Amino acid sequence: MAAEDDDHIEHIWIITGPAGCGKTTVAQHLAKELSLPYIEGDDFHPVANKQKMASGIPLTDADRWDWLITLRNEALKQLQHSNGVIVTCSALKHKYRDVIRVANYEHPSVQVHFVYLKVDESTLQKRVAARVGHYMKEGMVHSQMATLEEPELDEEWDVLPVDVRDDKETVKKQALEMVQRKLKEYEGLHQYPN
């Protein structure tokens, strides 16, 4: 970490939601606008996970644990050189989000936030069908939606929901505004570019 004192807050922004919701698009936009490093979570899946998904086989909890821990550790590593990092990660279940939240327990100066891209299954089916060259196929959308545990905002106070049924530009703008509002809560402790 860049520092471990009360005056220095670092942020891990997890862009989350099922396949096809726009995680990469939103994450790249946030990384550019906030001048933060960006981690594409899919790049950290082991080959076996990618092969399973490409074959239409849903991942199990056991398949995901090491991947989630790797993402958390990579995000913490990025904070050695930055005061924030943007990470894409489906984090479909509450317990998966909890694996990422451990970063705050290990490093109290680190705040973890989930930008949850909320969308319905039919919209996802259309988006995934239109993608070219991605290992996540259309048939996996139903599995992802069945696995999804929507964040309970009264319990998961670190979740920022964004409805992604609008066009991409509107969604990117809404996500950025939400992140900037959250950062204003920390304004006295740390400054980010607008």
N, C-alpha and C. Protein backbone atom coordinates (compact mmCIF):
# COMPACT_ATOMS: atom_id res chain seq x y z
N MET A 1 0.83 -1.17 0.00
CA MET A 1 0.00 0.00 0.00
C MET A 1 0.88 1.24 0.00
N ALA A 2 0.36 2.28 -0.59
CA ALA A 2 1.13 3.52 -0.64
C ALA A 2 1.35 4.08 0.75
N ALA A 3 0.39 3.89 1.65
CA ALA A 3 0.53 4.32 3.04
C ALA A 3 -0.51 3.62 3.88
N GLU A 4 -0.27 3.55 5.17
CA GLU A 4 -1.20 2.90 6.08
C GLU A 4 -1.55 3.83 7.23
N ASP A 5 -1.95 5.06 6.94
CA ASP A 5 -2.31 5.96 8.02
C ASP A 5 -3.73 6.47 7.83
N ASP A 6 -4.26 7.15 8.83
CA ASP A 6 -5.64 7.60 8.82
C ASP A 6 -5.91 8.67 7.76
N ASP A 7 -4.88 9.37 7.32
CA ASP A 7 -5.06 10.45 6.37
C ASP A 7 -4.97 9.98 4.92
N HIS A 8 -4.77 8.72 4.71
CA HIS A 8 -4.57 8.21 3.35
C HIS A 8 -5.55 7.07 3.07
N ILE A 9 -6.51 7.32 2.22
CA ILE A 9 -7.50 6.30 1.87
C ILE A 9 -7.25 5.86 0.43
N GLU A 10 -7.27 4.56 0.22
CA GLU A 10 -7.13 3.99 -1.12
C GLU A 10 -8.43 3.27 -1.46
N HIS A 11 -8.75 3.23 -2.75
CA HIS A 11 -10.03 2.68 -3.18
C HIS A 11 -9.86 1.56 -4.20
N ILE A 12 -10.54 0.47 -3.95
CA ILE A 12 -10.68 -0.61 -4.94
C ILE A 12 -12.11 -0.52 -5.45
N TRP A 13 -12.25 -0.27 -6.73
CA TRP A 13 -13.56 -0.16 -7.38
C TRP A 13 -13.80 -1.43 -8.18
N ILE A 14 -14.70 -2.27 -7.71
CA ILE A 14 -15.02 -3.52 -8.40
C ILE A 14 -16.24 -3.27 -9.27
N ILE A 15 -16.09 -3.42 -10.58
CA ILE A 15 -17.20 -3.26 -11.50
C ILE A 15 -17.78 -4.66 -11.69
N THR A 16 -19.02 -4.83 -11.21
CA THR A 16 -19.57 -6.16 -11.07
C THR A 16 -20.92 -6.33 -11.76
N GLY A 17 -21.25 -7.58 -12.03
CA GLY A 17 -22.50 -7.94 -12.68
C GLY A 17 -22.27 -9.14 -13.58
N PRO A 18 -23.34 -9.70 -14.12
CA PRO A 18 -23.22 -10.90 -14.96
C PRO A 18 -22.60 -10.59 -16.33
N ALA A 19 -22.26 -11.64 -17.05
CA ALA A 19 -21.66 -11.52 -18.38
C ALA A 19 -22.55 -10.68 -19.30
N GLY A 20 -21.93 -9.76 -20.01
CA GLY A 20 -22.66 -8.97 -20.98
C GLY A 20 -23.26 -7.69 -20.44
N CYS A 21 -23.07 -7.40 -19.16
CA CYS A 21 -23.70 -6.20 -18.57
C CYS A 21 -22.92 -4.92 -18.87
N GLY A 22 -21.68 -5.04 -19.34
CA GLY A 22 -20.89 -3.86 -19.69
C GLY A 22 -19.76 -3.55 -18.73
N LYS A 23 -19.31 -4.57 -17.98
CA LYS A 23 -18.25 -4.34 -16.99
C LYS A 23 -17.00 -3.72 -17.61
N THR A 24 -16.53 -4.29 -18.70
CA THR A 24 -15.30 -3.81 -19.33
C THR A 24 -15.47 -2.38 -19.84
N THR A 25 -16.58 -2.10 -20.49
CA THR A 25 -16.84 -0.76 -21.02
C THR A 25 -16.84 0.28 -19.91
N VAL A 26 -17.56 0.00 -18.83
CA VAL A 26 -17.64 0.93 -17.70
C VAL A 26 -16.28 1.05 -17.01
N ALA A 27 -15.61 -0.07 -16.80
CA ALA A 27 -14.32 -0.06 -16.11
C ALA A 27 -13.28 0.76 -16.89
N GLN A 28 -13.21 0.56 -18.19
CA GLN A 28 -12.25 1.31 -18.99
C GLN A 28 -12.54 2.80 -18.94
N HIS A 29 -13.81 3.15 -18.96
CA HIS A 29 -14.20 4.57 -18.88
C HIS A 29 -13.79 5.17 -17.53
N LEU A 30 -14.10 4.45 -16.45
CA LEU A 30 -13.73 4.95 -15.12
C LEU A 30 -12.22 5.08 -14.97
N ALA A 31 -11.49 4.07 -15.45
CA ALA A 31 -10.03 4.10 -15.35
C ALA A 31 -9.46 5.32 -16.08
N LYS A 32 -9.99 5.58 -17.26
CA LYS A 32 -9.52 6.73 -18.05
C LYS A 32 -9.87 8.05 -17.35
N GLU A 33 -11.12 8.20 -16.95
CA GLU A 33 -11.58 9.46 -16.36
C GLU A 33 -10.95 9.75 -15.00
N LEU A 34 -10.66 8.71 -14.24
CA LEU A 34 -10.09 8.88 -12.90
C LEU A 34 -8.57 8.69 -12.87
N SER A 35 -7.99 8.39 -14.04
CA SER A 35 -6.54 8.16 -14.16
C SER A 35 -6.07 7.08 -13.19
N LEU A 36 -6.78 5.95 -13.20
CA LEU A 36 -6.45 4.83 -12.32
C LEU A 36 -6.09 3.60 -13.13
N PRO A 37 -5.26 2.71 -12.56
CA PRO A 37 -4.98 1.45 -13.25
C PRO A 37 -6.25 0.60 -13.33
N TYR A 38 -6.26 -0.27 -14.32
CA TYR A 38 -7.43 -1.10 -14.61
C TYR A 38 -7.00 -2.56 -14.69
N ILE A 39 -7.74 -3.42 -14.00
CA ILE A 39 -7.50 -4.86 -14.03
C ILE A 39 -8.71 -5.53 -14.67
N GLU A 40 -8.50 -6.22 -15.78
CA GLU A 40 -9.56 -7.01 -16.42
C GLU A 40 -9.59 -8.36 -15.73
N GLY A 41 -10.60 -8.57 -14.90
CA GLY A 41 -10.70 -9.78 -14.09
C GLY A 41 -10.64 -11.06 -14.90
N ASP A 42 -11.25 -11.06 -16.09
CA ASP A 42 -11.26 -12.28 -16.91
C ASP A 42 -9.85 -12.74 -17.26
N ASP A 43 -8.91 -11.81 -17.35
CA ASP A 43 -7.53 -12.17 -17.68
C ASP A 43 -6.88 -13.02 -16.60
N PHE A 44 -7.44 -13.01 -15.41
CA PHE A 44 -6.85 -13.73 -14.28
C PHE A 44 -7.49 -15.09 -14.02
N HIS A 45 -8.51 -15.44 -14.83
CA HIS A 45 -9.08 -16.78 -14.72
C HIS A 45 -8.03 -17.79 -15.17
N PRO A 46 -7.88 -18.89 -14.44
CA PRO A 46 -6.98 -19.94 -14.93
C PRO A 46 -7.54 -20.54 -16.23
N VAL A 47 -6.67 -21.15 -17.00
CA VAL A 47 -7.06 -21.74 -18.29
C VAL A 47 -8.22 -22.71 -18.10
N ALA A 48 -8.19 -23.50 -17.05
CA ALA A 48 -9.26 -24.49 -16.81
C ALA A 48 -10.62 -23.81 -16.68
N ASN A 49 -10.68 -22.67 -16.01
CA ASN A 49 -11.94 -21.94 -15.88
C ASN A 49 -12.42 -21.44 -17.24
N LYS A 50 -11.50 -20.89 -18.03
CA LYS A 50 -11.88 -20.37 -19.35
C LYS A 50 -12.38 -21.51 -20.25
N GLN A 51 -11.74 -22.67 -20.16
CA GLN A 51 -12.17 -23.81 -20.96
C GLN A 51 -13.56 -24.28 -20.54
N LYS A 52 -13.81 -24.31 -19.24
CA LYS A 52 -15.14 -24.70 -18.76
C LYS A 52 -16.20 -23.75 -19.30
N MET A 53 -15.96 -22.46 -19.16
CA MET A 53 -16.95 -21.47 -19.61
C MET A 53 -17.15 -21.53 -21.11
N ALA A 54 -16.07 -21.70 -21.86
CA ALA A 54 -16.18 -21.79 -23.32
C ALA A 54 -16.96 -23.03 -23.74
N SER A 55 -16.93 -24.06 -22.90
CA SER A 55 -17.68 -25.30 -23.18
C SER A 55 -19.10 -25.25 -22.63
N GLY A 56 -19.48 -24.12 -22.05
CA GLY A 56 -20.83 -23.98 -21.52
C GLY A 56 -21.02 -24.60 -20.15
N ILE A 57 -19.92 -24.89 -19.46
CA ILE A 57 -19.99 -25.50 -18.13
C ILE A 57 -19.86 -24.39 -17.09
N PRO A 58 -20.89 -24.21 -16.25
CA PRO A 58 -20.81 -23.16 -15.22
C PRO A 58 -19.69 -23.42 -14.23
N LEU A 59 -19.07 -22.36 -13.76
CA LEU A 59 -18.04 -22.48 -12.74
C LEU A 59 -18.68 -22.78 -11.39
N THR A 60 -17.99 -23.53 -10.58
CA THR A 60 -18.43 -23.82 -9.22
C THR A 60 -17.78 -22.82 -8.26
N ASP A 61 -18.24 -22.83 -7.02
CA ASP A 61 -17.59 -21.98 -6.01
C ASP A 61 -16.10 -22.32 -5.93
N ALA A 62 -15.78 -23.60 -5.96
CA ALA A 62 -14.38 -24.03 -5.87
C ALA A 62 -13.55 -23.47 -7.02
N ASP A 63 -14.15 -23.37 -8.22
CA ASP A 63 -13.45 -22.79 -9.36
C ASP A 63 -13.13 -21.31 -9.15
N ARG A 64 -13.99 -20.65 -8.40
CA ARG A 64 -13.88 -19.20 -8.27
C ARG A 64 -12.98 -18.73 -7.13
N TRP A 65 -12.82 -19.50 -6.06
CA TRP A 65 -12.10 -19.00 -4.88
C TRP A 65 -10.71 -18.46 -5.20
N ASP A 66 -9.88 -19.28 -5.83
CA ASP A 66 -8.51 -18.84 -6.11
C ASP A 66 -8.50 -17.62 -7.03
N TRP A 67 -9.42 -17.60 -7.99
CA TRP A 67 -9.52 -16.46 -8.91
C TRP A 67 -9.85 -15.19 -8.13
N LEU A 68 -10.81 -15.25 -7.23
CA LEU A 68 -11.20 -14.08 -6.43
C LEU A 68 -10.05 -13.60 -5.55
N ILE A 69 -9.36 -14.54 -4.94
CA ILE A 69 -8.21 -14.18 -4.09
C ILE A 69 -7.10 -13.54 -4.93
N THR A 70 -6.87 -14.09 -6.11
CA THR A 70 -5.87 -13.53 -7.02
C THR A 70 -6.23 -12.10 -7.41
N LEU A 71 -7.51 -11.86 -7.72
CA LEU A 71 -7.94 -10.50 -8.08
C LEU A 71 -7.76 -9.54 -6.91
N ARG A 72 -8.15 -9.98 -5.72
CA ARG A 72 -7.99 -9.13 -4.54
C ARG A 72 -6.51 -8.77 -4.34
N ASN A 73 -5.65 -9.78 -4.44
CA ASN A 73 -4.22 -9.54 -4.24
C ASN A 73 -3.64 -8.64 -5.33
N GLU A 74 -4.09 -8.82 -6.56
CA GLU A 74 -3.60 -7.97 -7.65
C GLU A 74 -4.06 -6.52 -7.45
N ALA A 75 -5.27 -6.34 -6.98
CA ALA A 75 -5.76 -4.98 -6.70
C ALA A 75 -4.91 -4.33 -5.61
N LEU A 76 -4.64 -5.08 -4.55
CA LEU A 76 -3.80 -4.55 -3.47
C LEU A 76 -2.40 -4.22 -3.98
N LYS A 77 -1.89 -5.05 -4.87
CA LYS A 77 -0.56 -4.81 -5.46
C LYS A 77 -0.55 -3.49 -6.25
N GLN A 78 -1.63 -3.25 -7.00
CA GLN A 78 -1.72 -2.00 -7.78
C GLN A 78 -1.73 -0.78 -6.87
N LEU A 79 -2.26 -0.93 -5.66
CA LEU A 79 -2.33 0.19 -4.72
C LEU A 79 -0.96 0.59 -4.18
N GLN A 80 0.06 -0.21 -4.47
CA GLN A 80 1.42 0.18 -4.09
C GLN A 80 1.89 1.39 -4.91
N HIS A 81 1.26 1.59 -6.07
CA HIS A 81 1.68 2.65 -6.99
C HIS A 81 0.56 3.64 -7.30
N SER A 82 -0.61 3.45 -6.70
CA SER A 82 -1.76 4.28 -7.01
C SER A 82 -2.67 4.36 -5.78
N ASN A 83 -3.50 5.38 -5.75
CA ASN A 83 -4.45 5.52 -4.64
C ASN A 83 -5.79 4.87 -4.94
N GLY A 84 -5.88 4.22 -6.10
CA GLY A 84 -7.10 3.53 -6.47
C GLY A 84 -6.85 2.59 -7.61
N VAL A 85 -7.79 1.69 -7.83
CA VAL A 85 -7.69 0.73 -8.93
C VAL A 85 -9.11 0.33 -9.32
N ILE A 86 -9.30 0.10 -10.61
CA ILE A 86 -10.58 -0.36 -11.16
C ILE A 86 -10.41 -1.82 -11.54
N VAL A 87 -11.36 -2.68 -11.12
CA VAL A 87 -11.27 -4.12 -11.37
C VAL A 87 -12.62 -4.62 -11.89
N THR A 88 -12.60 -5.41 -12.97
CA THR A 88 -13.84 -6.08 -13.38
C THR A 88 -13.87 -7.46 -12.76
N CYS A 89 -15.03 -7.79 -12.21
CA CYS A 89 -15.22 -9.09 -11.56
C CYS A 89 -16.72 -9.32 -11.42
N SER A 90 -17.21 -10.43 -11.91
CA SER A 90 -18.65 -10.68 -11.85
C SER A 90 -19.19 -10.64 -10.42
N ALA A 91 -18.46 -11.21 -9.46
CA ALA A 91 -18.85 -11.19 -8.04
C ALA A 91 -20.35 -11.42 -7.87
N LEU A 92 -20.83 -12.51 -8.43
CA LEU A 92 -22.27 -12.76 -8.50
C LEU A 92 -22.92 -13.06 -7.15
N LYS A 93 -22.16 -13.61 -6.22
CA LYS A 93 -22.72 -13.98 -4.92
C LYS A 93 -22.17 -13.09 -3.81
N HIS A 94 -22.96 -12.96 -2.76
CA HIS A 94 -22.54 -12.17 -1.59
C HIS A 94 -21.20 -12.67 -1.07
N LYS A 95 -21.04 -13.99 -0.98
CA LYS A 95 -19.79 -14.53 -0.44
C LYS A 95 -18.60 -14.26 -1.35
N TYR A 96 -18.83 -14.12 -2.66
CA TYR A 96 -17.73 -13.76 -3.57
C TYR A 96 -17.30 -12.31 -3.30
N ARG A 97 -18.29 -11.44 -3.08
CA ARG A 97 -17.97 -10.05 -2.77
C ARG A 97 -17.23 -9.97 -1.44
N ASP A 98 -17.61 -10.84 -0.51
CA ASP A 98 -16.92 -10.87 0.79
C ASP A 98 -15.44 -11.23 0.65
N VAL A 99 -15.10 -12.08 -0.31
CA VAL A 99 -13.68 -12.43 -0.53
C VAL A 99 -12.89 -11.16 -0.88
N ILE A 100 -13.47 -10.30 -1.69
CA ILE A 100 -12.81 -9.04 -2.06
C ILE A 100 -12.77 -8.09 -0.87
N ARG A 101 -13.84 -8.07 -0.09
CA ARG A 101 -13.92 -7.16 1.07
C ARG A 101 -12.82 -7.42 2.10
N VAL A 102 -12.27 -8.61 2.11
CA VAL A 102 -11.20 -8.93 3.06
C VAL A 102 -10.03 -7.94 2.92
N ALA A 103 -9.88 -7.34 1.75
CA ALA A 103 -8.81 -6.36 1.54
C ALA A 103 -8.86 -5.28 2.61
N ASN A 104 -10.05 -4.85 2.99
CA ASN A 104 -10.20 -3.81 4.01
C ASN A 104 -9.82 -4.31 5.39
N TYR A 105 -10.07 -5.57 5.66
CA TYR A 105 -9.71 -6.13 6.97
C TYR A 105 -8.19 -6.21 7.11
N GLU A 106 -7.53 -6.58 6.01
CA GLU A 106 -6.08 -6.70 6.02
C GLU A 106 -5.40 -5.33 5.98
N HIS A 107 -6.04 -4.36 5.32
CA HIS A 107 -5.47 -3.03 5.11
C HIS A 107 -6.57 -1.99 5.38
N PRO A 108 -6.70 -1.50 6.60
CA PRO A 108 -7.79 -0.58 6.95
C PRO A 108 -7.86 0.70 6.12
N SER A 109 -6.76 1.09 5.49
CA SER A 109 -6.80 2.30 4.65
C SER A 109 -7.46 2.04 3.30
N VAL A 110 -7.75 0.78 2.99
CA VAL A 110 -8.35 0.42 1.71
C VAL A 110 -9.87 0.34 1.84
N GLN A 111 -10.54 1.08 0.98
CA GLN A 111 -12.00 1.02 0.90
C GLN A 111 -12.38 0.27 -0.36
N VAL A 112 -13.24 -0.73 -0.22
CA VAL A 112 -13.71 -1.52 -1.36
C VAL A 112 -15.12 -1.07 -1.70
N HIS A 113 -15.35 -0.83 -2.99
CA HIS A 113 -16.67 -0.40 -3.48
C HIS A 113 -17.04 -1.30 -4.66
N PHE A 114 -18.31 -1.65 -4.75
CA PHE A 114 -18.82 -2.46 -5.85
C PHE A 114 -19.77 -1.60 -6.68
N VAL A 115 -19.43 -1.38 -7.94
CA VAL A 115 -20.33 -0.71 -8.87
C VAL A 115 -21.09 -1.84 -9.57
N TYR A 116 -22.32 -2.05 -9.12
CA TYR A 116 -23.13 -3.18 -9.59
C TYR A 116 -23.93 -2.77 -10.81
N LEU A 117 -23.63 -3.38 -11.95
CA LEU A 117 -24.31 -3.09 -13.20
C LEU A 117 -25.54 -3.99 -13.30
N LYS A 118 -26.69 -3.42 -13.01
CA LYS A 118 -27.95 -4.15 -12.90
C LYS A 118 -28.66 -4.19 -14.25
N VAL A 119 -29.04 -5.42 -14.66
CA VAL A 119 -29.68 -5.59 -15.97
C VAL A 119 -30.51 -6.87 -15.96
N ASP A 120 -31.49 -6.94 -16.86
CA ASP A 120 -32.35 -8.12 -16.93
C ASP A 120 -31.76 -9.16 -17.90
N GLU A 121 -32.25 -10.39 -17.78
CA GLU A 121 -31.70 -11.51 -18.54
C GLU A 121 -31.88 -11.36 -20.05
N SER A 122 -33.02 -10.86 -20.51
CA SER A 122 -33.23 -10.76 -21.96
C SER A 122 -32.26 -9.76 -22.59
N THR A 123 -31.98 -8.67 -21.90
CA THR A 123 -31.00 -7.70 -22.41
C THR A 123 -29.62 -8.34 -22.49
N LEU A 124 -29.27 -9.11 -21.45
CA LEU A 124 -27.97 -9.80 -21.45
C LEU A 124 -27.86 -10.79 -22.59
N GLN A 125 -28.92 -11.56 -22.84
CA GLN A 125 -28.90 -12.55 -23.93
C GLN A 125 -28.55 -11.87 -25.25
N LYS A 126 -29.18 -10.74 -25.51
CA LYS A 126 -28.93 -10.01 -26.76
C LYS A 126 -27.48 -9.52 -26.84
N ARG A 127 -26.99 -8.98 -25.73
CA ARG A 127 -25.63 -8.43 -25.73
C ARG A 127 -24.59 -9.53 -25.92
N VAL A 128 -24.75 -10.63 -25.21
CA VAL A 128 -23.76 -11.72 -25.30
C VAL A 128 -23.81 -12.34 -26.69
N ALA A 129 -25.00 -12.47 -27.27
CA ALA A 129 -25.12 -13.03 -28.62
C ALA A 129 -24.39 -12.16 -29.64
N ALA A 130 -24.33 -10.86 -29.39
CA ALA A 130 -23.68 -9.93 -30.33
C ALA A 130 -22.17 -9.86 -30.16
N ARG A 131 -21.63 -10.42 -29.07
CA ARG A 131 -20.18 -10.35 -28.84
C ARG A 131 -19.45 -11.34 -29.73
N VAL A 132 -18.27 -10.93 -30.17
CA VAL A 132 -17.44 -11.78 -31.02
C VAL A 132 -16.13 -12.07 -30.29
N GLY A 133 -15.72 -13.34 -30.28
CA GLY A 133 -14.41 -13.70 -29.76
C GLY A 133 -14.30 -13.81 -28.25
N HIS A 134 -15.40 -13.79 -27.54
CA HIS A 134 -15.36 -13.91 -26.07
C HIS A 134 -15.73 -15.34 -25.71
N TYR A 135 -15.04 -15.90 -24.70
CA TYR A 135 -15.30 -17.29 -24.32
C TYR A 135 -16.65 -17.48 -23.63
N MET A 136 -17.24 -16.42 -23.10
CA MET A 136 -18.54 -16.53 -22.43
C MET A 136 -19.62 -16.54 -23.51
N LYS A 137 -20.30 -17.64 -23.64
CA LYS A 137 -21.30 -17.80 -24.69
C LYS A 137 -22.70 -17.49 -24.18
N GLU A 138 -23.61 -17.32 -25.13
CA GLU A 138 -25.00 -16.95 -24.84
C GLU A 138 -25.67 -17.91 -23.85
N GLY A 139 -25.36 -19.20 -23.96
CA GLY A 139 -25.98 -20.20 -23.09
C GLY A 139 -25.60 -20.05 -21.62
N MET A 140 -24.53 -19.32 -21.34
CA MET A 140 -24.08 -19.16 -19.96
C MET A 140 -24.83 -18.03 -19.23
N VAL A 141 -25.56 -17.21 -19.97
CA VAL A 141 -26.25 -16.09 -19.33
C VAL A 141 -27.26 -16.58 -18.30
N HIS A 142 -28.06 -17.58 -18.67
CA HIS A 142 -29.06 -18.09 -17.73
C HIS A 142 -28.39 -18.61 -16.47
N SER A 143 -27.29 -19.32 -16.62
CA SER A 143 -26.55 -19.84 -15.48
C SER A 143 -26.07 -18.69 -14.58
N GLN A 144 -25.56 -17.64 -15.19
CA GLN A 144 -25.08 -16.49 -14.41
C GLN A 144 -26.24 -15.82 -13.66
N MET A 145 -27.37 -15.68 -14.33
CA MET A 145 -28.53 -15.05 -13.67
C MET A 145 -29.07 -15.93 -12.55
N ALA A 146 -29.00 -17.24 -12.73
CA ALA A 146 -29.44 -18.16 -11.67
C ALA A 146 -28.50 -18.09 -10.46
N THR A 147 -27.22 -17.86 -10.71
CA THR A 147 -26.22 -17.76 -9.65
C THR A 147 -26.28 -16.41 -8.94
N LEU A 148 -26.68 -15.37 -9.66
CA LEU A 148 -26.65 -14.00 -9.15
C LEU A 148 -27.45 -13.84 -7.86
N GLU A 149 -26.79 -13.30 -6.86
CA GLU A 149 -27.45 -12.86 -5.62
C GLU A 149 -27.38 -11.34 -5.65
N GLU A 150 -28.50 -10.73 -6.02
CA GLU A 150 -28.52 -9.27 -6.10
C GLU A 150 -28.11 -8.67 -4.76
N PRO A 151 -27.25 -7.68 -4.78
CA PRO A 151 -26.84 -7.05 -3.52
C PRO A 151 -28.04 -6.46 -2.78
N GLU A 152 -28.09 -6.72 -1.49
CA GLU A 152 -29.09 -6.11 -0.61
C GLU A 152 -28.47 -4.82 -0.10
N LEU A 153 -28.95 -3.70 -0.60
CA LEU A 153 -28.29 -2.43 -0.33
C LEU A 153 -28.31 -2.04 1.14
N ASP A 154 -29.27 -2.56 1.91
CA ASP A 154 -29.28 -2.24 3.33
C ASP A 154 -28.24 -3.06 4.09
N GLU A 155 -27.79 -4.17 3.49
CA GLU A 155 -26.75 -5.01 4.11
C GLU A 155 -25.38 -4.75 3.49
N GLU A 156 -25.36 -4.52 2.20
CA GLU A 156 -24.10 -4.32 1.48
C GLU A 156 -23.98 -2.83 1.14
N TRP A 157 -23.62 -2.05 2.14
CA TRP A 157 -23.56 -0.60 2.02
C TRP A 157 -22.50 -0.10 1.05
N ASP A 158 -21.59 -0.99 0.64
CA ASP A 158 -20.50 -0.61 -0.26
C ASP A 158 -20.85 -0.83 -1.73
N VAL A 159 -22.13 -1.12 -2.02
CA VAL A 159 -22.57 -1.37 -3.39
C VAL A 159 -23.23 -0.12 -3.96
N LEU A 160 -22.81 0.24 -5.17
CA LEU A 160 -23.39 1.37 -5.91
C LEU A 160 -24.09 0.80 -7.14
N PRO A 161 -25.43 0.70 -7.14
CA PRO A 161 -26.12 0.10 -8.28
C PRO A 161 -26.28 1.09 -9.45
N VAL A 162 -26.07 0.59 -10.66
CA VAL A 162 -26.26 1.38 -11.87
C VAL A 162 -27.12 0.54 -12.81
N ASP A 163 -28.27 1.09 -13.22
CA ASP A 163 -29.14 0.40 -14.18
C ASP A 163 -28.51 0.55 -15.56
N VAL A 164 -28.23 -0.57 -16.21
CA VAL A 164 -27.49 -0.51 -17.48
C VAL A 164 -28.36 -0.77 -18.71
N ARG A 165 -29.65 -0.58 -18.58
CA ARG A 165 -30.52 -0.76 -19.76
C ARG A 165 -30.45 0.43 -20.70
N ASP A 166 -29.92 1.56 -20.23
CA ASP A 166 -29.75 2.74 -21.08
C ASP A 166 -28.61 2.51 -22.06
N ASP A 167 -28.39 3.48 -22.95
CA ASP A 167 -27.28 3.38 -23.90
C ASP A 167 -25.95 3.47 -23.15
N LYS A 168 -24.89 3.01 -23.80
CA LYS A 168 -23.57 2.93 -23.16
C LYS A 168 -23.08 4.27 -22.61
N GLU A 169 -23.26 5.33 -23.37
CA GLU A 169 -22.76 6.64 -22.92
C GLU A 169 -23.46 7.09 -21.64
N THR A 170 -24.76 6.86 -21.57
CA THR A 170 -25.52 7.22 -20.37
C THR A 170 -25.06 6.40 -19.18
N VAL A 171 -24.87 5.11 -19.40
CA VAL A 171 -24.43 4.21 -18.32
C VAL A 171 -23.04 4.63 -17.82
N LYS A 172 -22.12 4.90 -18.74
CA LYS A 172 -20.77 5.32 -18.35
C LYS A 172 -20.83 6.62 -17.54
N LYS A 173 -21.66 7.55 -17.98
CA LYS A 173 -21.80 8.83 -17.28
C LYS A 173 -22.37 8.61 -15.88
N GLN A 174 -23.42 7.78 -15.77
CA GLN A 174 -24.03 7.52 -14.46
C GLN A 174 -23.04 6.85 -13.51
N ALA A 175 -22.29 5.89 -14.02
CA ALA A 175 -21.31 5.19 -13.18
C ALA A 175 -20.25 6.16 -12.67
N LEU A 176 -19.74 7.00 -13.56
CA LEU A 176 -18.72 7.97 -13.17
C LEU A 176 -19.27 8.94 -12.12
N GLU A 177 -20.48 9.44 -12.34
CA GLU A 177 -21.08 10.36 -11.37
C GLU A 177 -21.25 9.70 -10.00
N MET A 178 -21.65 8.44 -10.00
CA MET A 178 -21.83 7.72 -8.74
C MET A 178 -20.50 7.56 -8.00
N VAL A 179 -19.46 7.21 -8.75
CA VAL A 179 -18.13 7.05 -8.15
C VAL A 179 -17.63 8.40 -7.63
N GLN A 180 -17.81 9.45 -8.41
CA GLN A 180 -17.36 10.77 -7.97
C GLN A 180 -18.10 11.24 -6.72
N ARG A 181 -19.40 10.94 -6.64
CA ARG A 181 -20.15 11.29 -5.42
C ARG A 181 -19.59 10.55 -4.21
N LYS A 182 -19.28 9.27 -4.40
CA LYS A 182 -18.72 8.49 -3.30
C LYS A 182 -17.35 9.05 -2.90
N LEU A 183 -16.55 9.42 -3.88
CA LEU A 183 -15.23 9.99 -3.57
C LEU A 183 -15.33 11.30 -2.80
N LYS A 184 -16.39 12.07 -3.05
CA LYS A 184 -16.57 13.33 -2.32
C LYS A 184 -16.71 13.09 -0.83
N GLU A 185 -17.21 11.91 -0.45
CA GLU A 185 -17.30 11.57 0.97
C GLU A 185 -15.90 11.51 1.60
N TYR A 186 -14.90 11.23 0.78
CA TYR A 186 -13.52 11.12 1.26
C TYR A 186 -12.69 12.35 0.90
N GLU A 187 -13.36 13.38 0.39
CA GLU A 187 -12.67 14.54 -0.17
C GLU A 187 -11.64 15.16 0.77
N GLY A 188 -11.94 15.23 2.03
CA GLY A 188 -11.01 15.82 2.98
C GLY A 188 -9.78 14.97 3.20
N LEU A 189 -9.87 13.68 2.81
CA LEU A 189 -8.76 12.76 3.05
C LEU A 189 -7.90 12.54 1.81
N HIS A 190 -8.51 12.69 0.63
CA HIS A 190 -7.77 12.38 -0.60
C HIS A 190 -8.42 13.08 -1.78
N GLN A 191 -7.65 13.55 -2.72
CA GLN A 191 -8.16 14.22 -3.90
C GLN A 191 -7.99 13.35 -5.14
N TYR A 192 -9.03 13.28 -5.97
CA TYR A 192 -8.97 12.59 -7.26
C TYR A 192 -9.26 13.62 -8.34
N PRO A 193 -8.75 13.42 -9.54
CA PRO A 193 -9.09 14.34 -10.63
C PRO A 193 -10.55 14.15 -11.03
N ASN A 194 -11.16 15.19 -11.56
CA ASN A 194 -12.56 15.09 -12.02
C ASN A 194 -12.64 14.65 -13.45
